[in-house]
């Protein structure tokens, strides 16, 4: 079984947002990934080698924003 769960690290302990469907004393293996923002998580995906300012302007340009359905 594989689960993706959200948790907060606080005072040396991971505090889960919701209980897990596991039995008492059940052994599990945990892999921790930092919940980065979209931009940080997508960094490097397009292989852009140009000026970062150009990408920023394109990303913020209203002409390329998500259009809402009528």
PDB file of N, CA and C in Angstrom:
ATOM      1  N   UNK A   1       0.855  -1.179   0.000  1.00  0.00           N
ATOM      2  CA  UNK A   1       0.000   0.000   0.000  1.00  0.00           C
ATOM      3  C   UNK A   1       0.894   1.231   0.000  1.00  0.00           C
ATOM      4  N   UNK A   2       0.461   2.249  -0.737  1.00  0.00           N
ATOM      5  CA  UNK A   2       1.185   3.508  -0.798  1.00  0.00           C
ATOM      6  C   UNK A   2       0.219   4.642  -0.486  1.00  0.00           C
ATOM      7  N   UNK A   3       0.640   5.577   0.364  1.00  0.00           N
ATOM      8  CA  UNK A   3      -0.192   6.713   0.752  1.00  0.00           C
ATOM      9  C   UNK A   3       0.588   8.002   0.608  1.00  0.00           C
ATOM     10  N   UNK A   4      -0.080   9.043   0.165  1.00  0.00           N
ATOM     11  CA  UNK A   4       0.484  10.387   0.207  1.00  0.00           C
ATOM     12  C   UNK A   4      -0.283  11.135   1.282  1.00  0.00           C
ATOM     13  N   UNK A   5       0.430  11.656   2.258  1.00  0.00           N
ATOM     14  CA  UNK A   5      -0.231  12.359   3.361  1.00  0.00           C
ATOM     15  C   UNK A   5       0.422  13.724   3.567  1.00  0.00           C
ATOM     16  N   UNK A   6      -0.334  14.634   4.122  1.00  0.00           N
ATOM     17  CA  UNK A   6       0.194  15.949   4.472  1.00  0.00           C
ATOM     18  C   UNK A   6       0.463  15.977   5.969  1.00  0.00           C
ATOM     19  N   UNK A   7       1.562  16.607   6.333  1.00  0.00           N
ATOM     20  CA  UNK A   7       1.944  16.689   7.741  1.00  0.00           C
ATOM     21  C   UNK A   7       2.712  17.979   7.976  1.00  0.00           C
ATOM     22  N   UNK A   8       2.832  18.333   9.231  1.00  0.00           N
ATOM     23  CA  UNK A   8       3.601  19.508   9.635  1.00  0.00           C
ATOM     24  C   UNK A   8       4.671  19.057  10.619  1.00  0.00           C
ATOM     25  N   UNK A   9       5.887  19.520  10.404  1.00  0.00           N
ATOM     26  CA  UNK A   9       6.979  19.197  11.312  1.00  0.00           C
ATOM     27  C   UNK A   9       6.995  20.233  12.422  1.00  0.00           C
ATOM     28  N   UNK A  10       6.863  19.777  13.651  1.00  0.00           N
ATOM     29  CA  UNK A  10       6.788  20.693  14.791  1.00  0.00           C
ATOM     30  C   UNK A  10       7.482  20.085  16.007  1.00  0.00           C
ATOM     31  N   UNK A  11       8.460  20.769  16.546  1.00  0.00           N
ATOM     32  CA  UNK A  11       9.185  20.323  17.742  1.00  0.00           C
ATOM     33  C   UNK A  11       9.716  18.901  17.603  1.00  0.00           C
ATOM     34  N   UNK A  12      10.277  18.592  16.438  1.00  0.00           N
ATOM     35  CA  UNK A  12      10.898  17.290  16.233  1.00  0.00           C
ATOM     36  C   UNK A  12       9.941  16.166  15.898  1.00  0.00           C
ATOM     37  N   UNK A  13       8.665  16.480  15.669  1.00  0.00           N
ATOM     38  CA  UNK A  13       7.662  15.441  15.407  1.00  0.00           C
ATOM     39  C   UNK A  13       6.861  15.808  14.166  1.00  0.00           C
ATOM     40  N   UNK A  14       6.595  14.815  13.316  1.00  0.00           N
ATOM     41  CA  UNK A  14       5.694  15.026  12.188  1.00  0.00           C
ATOM     42  C   UNK A  14       4.267  14.853  12.675  1.00  0.00           C
ATOM     43  N   UNK A  15       3.459  15.889  12.505  1.00  0.00           N
ATOM     44  CA  UNK A  15       2.056  15.824  12.928  1.00  0.00           C
ATOM     45  C   UNK A  15       1.201  15.711  11.677  1.00  0.00           C
ATOM     46  N   UNK A  16       0.536  14.567  11.529  1.00  0.00           N
ATOM     47  CA  UNK A  16      -0.279  14.306  10.352  1.00  0.00           C
ATOM     48  C   UNK A  16      -1.553  15.132  10.382  1.00  0.00           C
ATOM     49  N   UNK A  17      -2.003  15.552   9.190  1.00  0.00           N
ATOM     50  CA  UNK A  17      -3.245  16.316   9.099  1.00  0.00           C
ATOM     51  C   UNK A  17      -4.467  15.428   9.355  1.00  0.00           C
ATOM     52  N   UNK A  18      -4.350  14.127   9.024  1.00  0.00           N
ATOM     53  CA  UNK A  18      -5.462  13.187   9.194  1.00  0.00           C
ATOM     54  C   UNK A  18      -4.902  11.842   9.667  1.00  0.00           C
ATOM     55  N   UNK A  19      -5.699  11.058  10.376  1.00  0.00           N
ATOM     56  CA  UNK A  19      -5.245   9.728  10.814  1.00  0.00           C
ATOM     57  C   UNK A  19      -4.969   8.819   9.611  1.00  0.00           C
ATOM     58  N   UNK A  20      -4.105   7.858   9.804  1.00  0.00           N
ATOM     59  CA  UNK A  20      -3.777   6.896   8.751  1.00  0.00           C
ATOM     60  C   UNK A  20      -4.532   5.591   8.967  1.00  0.00           C
ATOM     61  N   UNK A  21      -4.858   4.896   7.879  1.00  0.00           N
ATOM     62  CA  UNK A  21      -5.554   3.612   8.004  1.00  0.00           C
ATOM     63  C   UNK A  21      -4.573   2.468   8.269  1.00  0.00           C
ATOM     64  N   UNK A  22      -3.877   2.550   9.374  1.00  0.00           N
ATOM     65  CA  UNK A  22      -2.862   1.549   9.734  1.00  0.00           C
ATOM     66  C   UNK A  22      -3.178   0.955  11.089  1.00  0.00           C
ATOM     67  N   UNK A  23      -2.721  -0.272  11.287  1.00  0.00           N
ATOM     68  CA  UNK A  23      -2.903  -0.919  12.575  1.00  0.00           C
ATOM     69  C   UNK A  23      -1.811  -0.522  13.555  1.00  0.00           C
ATOM     70  N   UNK A  24      -2.079  -0.694  14.838  1.00  0.00           N
ATOM     71  CA  UNK A  24      -1.081  -0.416  15.858  1.00  0.00           C
ATOM     72  C   UNK A  24       0.167  -1.256  15.630  1.00  0.00           C
ATOM     73  N   UNK A  25       1.309  -0.658  15.799  1.00  0.00           N
ATOM     74  CA  UNK A  25       2.621  -1.293  15.672  1.00  0.00           C
ATOM     75  C   UNK A  25       2.935  -1.758  14.252  1.00  0.00           C
ATOM     76  N   UNK A  26       2.166  -1.313  13.274  1.00  0.00           N
ATOM     77  CA  UNK A  26       2.449  -1.663  11.883  1.00  0.00           C
ATOM     78  C   UNK A  26       3.667  -0.871  11.433  1.00  0.00           C
ATOM     79  N   UNK A  27       4.633  -1.556  10.854  1.00  0.00           N
ATOM     80  CA  UNK A  27       5.863  -0.912  10.393  1.00  0.00           C
ATOM     81  C   UNK A  27       5.619  -0.287   9.019  1.00  0.00           C
ATOM     82  N   UNK A  28       6.180   0.889   8.807  1.00  0.00           N
ATOM     83  CA  UNK A  28       6.077   1.582   7.526  1.00  0.00           C
ATOM     84  C   UNK A  28       7.425   2.197   7.182  1.00  0.00           C
ATOM     85  N   UNK A  29       7.601   2.555   5.929  1.00  0.00           N
ATOM     86  CA  UNK A  29       8.791   3.276   5.493  1.00  0.00           C
ATOM     87  C   UNK A  29       8.330   4.662   5.082  1.00  0.00           C
ATOM     88  N   UNK A  30       9.016   5.707   5.556  1.00  0.00           N
ATOM     89  CA  UNK A  30       8.608   7.082   5.319  1.00  0.00           C
ATOM     90  C   UNK A  30       9.658   7.788   4.459  1.00  0.00           C
ATOM     91  N   UNK A  31       9.183   8.474   3.417  1.00  0.00           N
ATOM     92  CA  UNK A  31      10.019   9.343   2.598  1.00  0.00           C
ATOM     93  C   UNK A  31       9.456  10.746   2.735  1.00  0.00           C
ATOM     94  N   UNK A  32      10.298  11.713   3.046  1.00  0.00           N
ATOM     95  CA  UNK A  32       9.826  13.079   3.280  1.00  0.00           C
ATOM     96  C   UNK A  32      10.244  13.968   2.114  1.00  0.00           C
ATOM     97  N   UNK A  33       9.267  14.713   1.567  1.00  0.00           N
ATOM     98  CA  UNK A  33       9.512  15.695   0.518  1.00  0.00           C
ATOM     99  C   UNK A  33       9.013  17.036   1.026  1.00  0.00           C
ATOM    100  N   UNK A  34       9.829  18.065   0.871  1.00  0.00           N
ATOM    101  CA  UNK A  34       9.417  19.413   1.245  1.00  0.00           C
ATOM    102  C   UNK A  34       8.283  19.846   0.330  1.00  0.00           C
ATOM    103  N   UNK A  35       7.215  20.372   0.886  1.00  0.00           N
ATOM    104  CA  UNK A  35       6.077  20.849   0.092  1.00  0.00           C
ATOM    105  C   UNK A  35       6.422  22.219  -0.490  1.00  0.00           C
ATOM    106  N   UNK A  36       7.178  22.197  -1.580  1.00  0.00           N
ATOM    107  CA  UNK A  36       7.633  23.439  -2.210  1.00  0.00           C
ATOM    108  C   UNK A  36       6.511  24.070  -3.023  1.00  0.00           C
ATOM    109  N   UNK A  37       6.662  25.346  -3.297  1.00  0.00           N
ATOM    110  CA  UNK A  37       5.705  26.037  -4.150  1.00  0.00           C
ATOM    111  C   UNK A  37       5.768  25.491  -5.570  1.00  0.00           C
ATOM    112  N   UNK A  38       4.779  25.832  -6.383  1.00  0.00           N
ATOM    113  CA  UNK A  38       4.727  25.341  -7.761  1.00  0.00           C
ATOM    114  C   UNK A  38       5.965  25.725  -8.557  1.00  0.00           C
ATOM    115  N   UNK A  39       6.385  26.962  -8.440  1.00  0.00           N
ATOM    116  CA  UNK A  39       7.542  27.408  -9.215  1.00  0.00           C
ATOM    117  C   UNK A  39       8.804  26.644  -8.805  1.00  0.00           C
ATOM    118  N   UNK A  40       9.002  26.487  -7.514  1.00  0.00           N
ATOM    119  CA  UNK A  40      10.189  25.782  -7.036  1.00  0.00           C
ATOM    120  C   UNK A  40      10.144  24.305  -7.434  1.00  0.00           C
ATOM    121  N   UNK A  41       8.956  23.706  -7.353  1.00  0.00           N
ATOM    122  CA  UNK A  41       8.809  22.303  -7.720  1.00  0.00           C
ATOM    123  C   UNK A  41       8.979  22.049  -9.205  1.00  0.00           C
ATOM    124  N   UNK A  42       8.669  23.047 -10.029  1.00  0.00           N
ATOM    125  CA  UNK A  42       8.767  22.892 -11.482  1.00  0.00           C
ATOM    126  C   UNK A  42      10.098  23.403 -12.034  1.00  0.00           C
ATOM    127  N   UNK A  43      10.948  23.897 -11.173  1.00  0.00           N
ATOM    128  CA  UNK A  43      12.217  24.474 -11.622  1.00  0.00           C
ATOM    129  C   UNK A  43      12.987  23.485 -12.498  1.00  0.00           C
ATOM    130  N   UNK A  44      13.385  23.949 -13.667  1.00  0.00           N
ATOM    131  CA  UNK A  44      14.211  23.139 -14.557  1.00  0.00           C
ATOM    132  C   UNK A  44      13.449  22.248 -15.520  1.00  0.00           C
ATOM    133  N   UNK A  45      12.129  22.192 -15.441  1.00  0.00           N
ATOM    134  CA  UNK A  45      11.367  21.293 -16.299  1.00  0.00           C
ATOM    135  C   UNK A  45      11.403  21.694 -17.772  1.00  0.00           C
ATOM    136  N   UNK A  46      11.436  22.980 -18.081  1.00  0.00           N
ATOM    137  CA  UNK A  46      11.419  23.387 -19.485  1.00  0.00           C
ATOM    138  C   UNK A  46      12.820  23.567 -20.060  1.00  0.00           C
ATOM    139  N   UNK A  47      13.819  23.428 -19.266  1.00  0.00           N
ATOM    140  CA  UNK A  47      15.191  23.547 -19.757  1.00  0.00           C
ATOM    141  C   UNK A  47      15.538  24.935 -20.275  1.00  0.00           C
ATOM    142  N   UNK A  48      14.919  25.954 -19.728  1.00  0.00           N
ATOM    143  CA  UNK A  48      15.145  27.332 -20.167  1.00  0.00           C
ATOM    144  C   UNK A  48      16.575  27.734 -19.852  1.00  0.00           C
ATOM    145  N   UNK A  49      17.269  28.249 -20.858  1.00  0.00           N
ATOM    146  CA  UNK A  49      18.646  28.712 -20.636  1.00  0.00           C
ATOM    147  C   UNK A  49      18.774  30.205 -20.863  1.00  0.00           C
ATOM    148  N   UNK A  50      17.640  30.860 -21.106  1.00  0.00           N
ATOM    149  CA  UNK A  50      17.655  32.296 -21.360  1.00  0.00           C
ATOM    150  C   UNK A  50      17.556  33.111 -20.089  1.00  0.00           C
ATOM    151  N   UNK A  51      17.189  34.351 -20.284  1.00  0.00           N
ATOM    152  CA  UNK A  51      17.086  35.318 -19.199  1.00  0.00           C
ATOM    153  C   UNK A  51      15.899  34.999 -18.291  1.00  0.00           C
ATOM    154  N   UNK A  52      16.088  34.828 -16.995  1.00  0.00           N
ATOM    155  CA  UNK A  52      14.981  34.536 -16.081  1.00  0.00           C
ATOM    156  C   UNK A  52      13.939  35.653 -16.051  1.00  0.00           C
ATOM    157  N   UNK A  53      14.338  36.862 -16.349  1.00  0.00           N
ATOM    158  CA  UNK A  53      13.401  37.987 -16.346  1.00  0.00           C
ATOM    159  C   UNK A  53      12.361  37.835 -17.455  1.00  0.00           C
ATOM    160  N   UNK A  54      12.758  37.258 -18.591  1.00  0.00           N
ATOM    161  CA  UNK A  54      11.821  37.024 -19.692  1.00  0.00           C
ATOM    162  C   UNK A  54      10.749  36.025 -19.258  1.00  0.00           C
ATOM    163  N   UNK A  55      11.151  34.961 -18.600  1.00  0.00           N
ATOM    164  CA  UNK A  55      10.194  33.959 -18.120  1.00  0.00           C
ATOM    165  C   UNK A  55       9.260  34.584 -17.089  1.00  0.00           C
ATOM    166  N   UNK A  56       9.789  35.390 -16.199  1.00  0.00           N
ATOM    167  CA  UNK A  56       8.956  36.035 -15.187  1.00  0.00           C
ATOM    168  C   UNK A  56       7.896  36.918 -15.837  1.00  0.00           C
ATOM    169  N   UNK A  57       8.306  37.715 -16.835  1.00  0.00           N
ATOM    170  CA  UNK A  57       7.358  38.594 -17.526  1.00  0.00           C
ATOM    171  C   UNK A  57       6.273  37.790 -18.234  1.00  0.00           C
ATOM    172  N   UNK A  58       6.659  36.704 -18.883  1.00  0.00           N
ATOM    173  CA  UNK A  58       5.671  35.857 -19.552  1.00  0.00           C
ATOM    174  C   UNK A  58       4.707  35.221 -18.550  1.00  0.00           C
ATOM    175  N   UNK A  59       5.231  34.757 -17.441  1.00  0.00           N
ATOM    176  CA  UNK A  59       4.400  34.100 -16.431  1.00  0.00           C
ATOM    177  C   UNK A  59       3.391  35.055 -15.814  1.00  0.00           C
ATOM    178  N   UNK A  60       3.752  36.324 -15.708  1.00  0.00           N
ATOM    179  CA  UNK A  60       2.871  37.307 -15.079  1.00  0.00           C
ATOM    180  C   UNK A  60       2.022  38.089 -16.077  1.00  0.00           C
ATOM    181  N   UNK A  61       2.231  37.872 -17.368  1.00  0.00           N
ATOM    182  CA  UNK A  61       1.490  38.605 -18.398  1.00  0.00           C
ATOM    183  C   UNK A  61       0.031  38.154 -18.426  1.00  0.00           C
ATOM    184  N   UNK A  62      -0.922  39.088 -18.239  1.00  0.00           N
ATOM    185  CA  UNK A  62      -2.342  38.734 -18.229  1.00  0.00           C
ATOM    186  C   UNK A  62      -2.809  38.087 -19.536  1.00  0.00           C
ATOM    187  N   UNK A  63      -2.130  38.378 -20.631  1.00  0.00           N
ATOM    188  CA  UNK A  63      -2.515  37.782 -21.917  1.00  0.00           C
ATOM    189  C   UNK A  63      -2.424  36.258 -21.883  1.00  0.00           C
ATOM    190  N   UNK A  64      -1.546  35.718 -21.060  1.00  0.00           N
ATOM    191  CA  UNK A  64      -1.347  34.276 -20.977  1.00  0.00           C
ATOM    192  C   UNK A  64      -1.961  33.647 -19.742  1.00  0.00           C
ATOM    193  N   UNK A  65      -2.812  34.399 -19.042  1.00  0.00           N
ATOM    194  CA  UNK A  65      -3.418  33.860 -17.826  1.00  0.00           C
ATOM    195  C   UNK A  65      -4.513  32.856 -18.176  1.00  0.00           C
ATOM    196  N   UNK A  66      -4.928  32.095 -17.187  1.00  0.00           N
ATOM    197  CA  UNK A  66      -5.976  31.099 -17.377  1.00  0.00           C
ATOM    198  C   UNK A  66      -7.299  31.835 -17.610  1.00  0.00           C
ATOM    199  N   UNK A  67      -7.970  31.470 -18.678  1.00  0.00           N
ATOM    200  CA  UNK A  67      -9.249  32.102 -19.006  1.00  0.00           C
ATOM    201  C   UNK A  67     -10.385  31.334 -18.341  1.00  0.00           C
ATOM    202  N   UNK A  68     -11.315  32.058 -17.746  1.00  0.00           N
ATOM    203  CA  UNK A  68     -12.475  31.418 -17.135  1.00  0.00           C
ATOM    204  C   UNK A  68     -13.523  31.159 -18.204  1.00  0.00           C
ATOM    205  N   UNK A  69     -14.259  30.063 -18.051  1.00  0.00           N
ATOM    206  CA  UNK A  69     -15.329  29.737 -18.983  1.00  0.00           C
ATOM    207  C   UNK A  69     -16.489  30.690 -18.777  1.00  0.00           C
ATOM    208  N   UNK A  70     -17.203  31.058 -19.871  1.00  0.00           N
ATOM    209  CA  UNK A  70     -18.349  31.960 -19.724  1.00  0.00           C
ATOM    210  C   UNK A  70     -19.511  31.300 -19.022  1.00  0.00           C
TER     211      UNK A  70
END
